[in-house]
Protein backbone atom coordinates (compact mmCIF):
# COMPACT_ATOMS: atom_id res chain seq x y z
CA MET A 1 -118.36 54.39 -47.73
CA THR A 2 -120.99 56.03 -45.95
CA SER A 3 -122.13 53.12 -44.03
CA GLN A 4 -118.20 53.44 -42.70
CA SER A 5 -118.83 57.26 -41.90
CA GLN A 6 -121.56 57.17 -40.36
CA GLY A 7 -120.66 53.98 -38.09
CA ILE A 8 -117.76 55.89 -37.11
CA GLN A 9 -119.88 59.16 -36.55
CA GLN A 10 -121.86 56.67 -34.38
CA LEU A 11 -118.82 55.30 -32.63
CA LEU A 12 -117.61 59.14 -31.65
CA GLN A 13 -121.12 60.21 -30.74
CA ALA A 14 -120.99 57.02 -28.57
CA GLU A 15 -117.52 58.26 -27.24
CA LYS A 16 -118.44 61.64 -26.95
CA ARG A 17 -121.63 60.36 -24.59
CA ALA A 18 -119.52 58.61 -22.47
CA LYS A 19 -117.32 60.98 -22.07
CA ASP A 20 -120.02 63.43 -20.77
CA LYS A 21 -120.83 60.44 -18.62
CA LEU A 22 -117.57 59.74 -16.81
CA GLU A 23 -117.43 63.56 -15.88
CA GLU A 24 -120.83 63.87 -15.09
CA ALA A 25 -120.07 60.96 -13.05
CA LYS A 26 -116.89 62.49 -11.43
CA LYS A 27 -118.82 66.05 -10.58
CA ARG A 28 -121.22 64.28 -8.48
CA LYS A 29 -118.66 61.95 -6.57
CA GLY A 30 -117.25 65.39 -6.18
CA LYS A 31 -120.05 67.00 -4.84
CA ARG A 32 -121.00 63.45 -2.46
CA LEU A 33 -117.29 63.76 -1.32
CA LYS A 34 -117.93 67.68 -0.13
CA GLN A 35 -120.83 66.66 1.26
CA ALA A 36 -119.68 63.67 3.42
CA LYS A 37 -116.55 66.06 3.96
CA GLU A 38 -119.32 68.79 5.46
CA GLU A 39 -121.35 66.26 7.56
CA ALA A 40 -118.30 65.21 9.29
CA THR A 41 -116.97 68.39 10.20
CA ALA A 42 -120.64 69.73 11.55
CA GLU A 43 -120.62 66.46 13.37
CA ILE A 44 -116.93 66.92 14.88
CA ASP A 45 -118.07 70.33 15.86
CA HIS A 46 -120.94 69.04 17.33
CA TYR A 47 -119.54 66.75 19.65
CA ARG A 48 -116.51 69.34 20.52
CA LEU A 49 -119.46 71.88 21.31
CA GLN A 50 -121.02 68.98 23.95
CA ARG A 51 -117.43 67.51 25.67
CA GLU A 52 -116.70 71.43 26.41
CA LYS A 53 -120.04 71.86 27.64
CA GLU A 54 -119.69 68.81 29.77
CA PHE A 55 -116.39 70.19 31.12
CA ARG A 56 -117.40 73.61 31.96
CA ASN A 57 -119.91 71.89 33.67
CA LYS A 58 -117.62 69.40 35.90
CA GLU A 59 -115.23 72.96 35.92
CA THR A 60 -117.61 74.85 37.36
CA ASN A 61 -118.00 72.00 40.51
CA VAL A 62 -114.65 71.58 40.92
CA MET A 63 -114.02 75.63 41.42
CA GLY A 64 -117.26 76.56 42.81
CA SER A 65 -116.41 73.88 45.48
CA GLN A 66 -112.99 76.06 46.20
CA GLY A 67 -114.86 78.84 45.61
CA ASN A 68 -116.56 77.70 48.70
CA LEU A 69 -113.66 76.68 50.74
CA SER A 70 -111.55 79.70 49.83
CA ALA A 71 -114.50 81.82 51.16
CA LYS A 72 -115.23 79.52 54.28
CA ILE A 73 -111.31 79.99 55.24
CA GLU A 74 -111.30 83.60 54.82
CA GLU A 75 -114.22 83.87 57.32
CA GLN A 76 -112.75 81.72 59.30
CA THR A 77 -109.23 84.13 59.24
CA THR A 78 -111.46 87.17 59.90
CA GLU A 79 -112.90 85.31 62.83
CA ALA A 80 -109.88 84.32 64.37
CA ILE A 81 -108.10 87.65 64.06
CA ARG A 82 -111.38 89.41 65.59
CA ASN A 83 -110.83 87.47 68.29
CA LEU A 84 -107.41 88.05 68.82
CA THR A 85 -107.78 91.67 68.40
CA SER A 86 -110.80 91.15 71.44
CA SER A 87 -108.69 89.20 73.15
CA TYR A 88 -105.54 91.44 73.26
CA HIS A 89 -107.68 94.39 74.25
CA ARG A 90 -109.29 92.86 77.25
CA ASN A 91 -105.53 91.75 78.31
CA MET A 92 -103.37 93.95 77.43
CA GLU A 93 -103.73 95.98 80.67
CA SER A 94 -103.10 93.09 83.19
CA MET A 95 -100.23 91.52 81.03
CA MET A 96 -98.62 95.12 81.10
CA LYS A 97 -99.59 95.09 85.17
CA LYS A 98 -97.32 92.12 85.06
CA LEU A 99 -94.67 93.20 83.29
CA LEU A 100 -93.90 96.47 84.78
CA SER A 101 -94.39 94.37 88.21
CA THR A 102 -91.78 92.13 86.97
CA ILE A 103 -89.42 94.85 85.76
CA PHE A 104 -90.06 97.10 88.62
CA ASP A 105 -90.29 94.89 92.04
CA ILE A 106 -86.81 93.31 92.48
CA ASN A 107 -86.28 91.29 95.27
CA PRO A 108 -81.94 91.06 95.58
CA GLU A 109 -81.33 87.65 97.28
CA ILE A 110 -78.26 85.63 97.39
CA HIS A 111 -78.06 82.84 95.17
CA PRO A 112 -78.29 79.65 96.69
CA ASN A 113 -74.94 78.44 95.37
CA PHE A 114 -73.15 81.48 96.51
CA ARG A 115 -70.25 80.43 99.48
CA PRO A 116 -68.69 83.12 101.22
CA ALA A 117 -65.03 83.63 101.06
CA VAL A 118 -63.42 82.79 104.23
């Protein structure tokens, strides 16, 4: 009977060792999965940062040129306003004289289509 109980004890011990090894393997697998997930997350973050940087560079290139265009348009507008103002001041007096002479110098004439009544 002792040999049977020793055999049972050995089987129980072997079963316990197998169970321990199985649990240890599950823990290692869990650690590997966690590590793989962290590495994938880090790689995704790196890729996202790289793409955002490229996007910002392209955006500044496009927006920078738009900024230059708006500056050029504003400069042209300012120049046009300056030219119109100087033209106004140069020609104001002569135009006023022409307007006043047109208004006050009236030469009454008979219209060419007028027919006197007979």
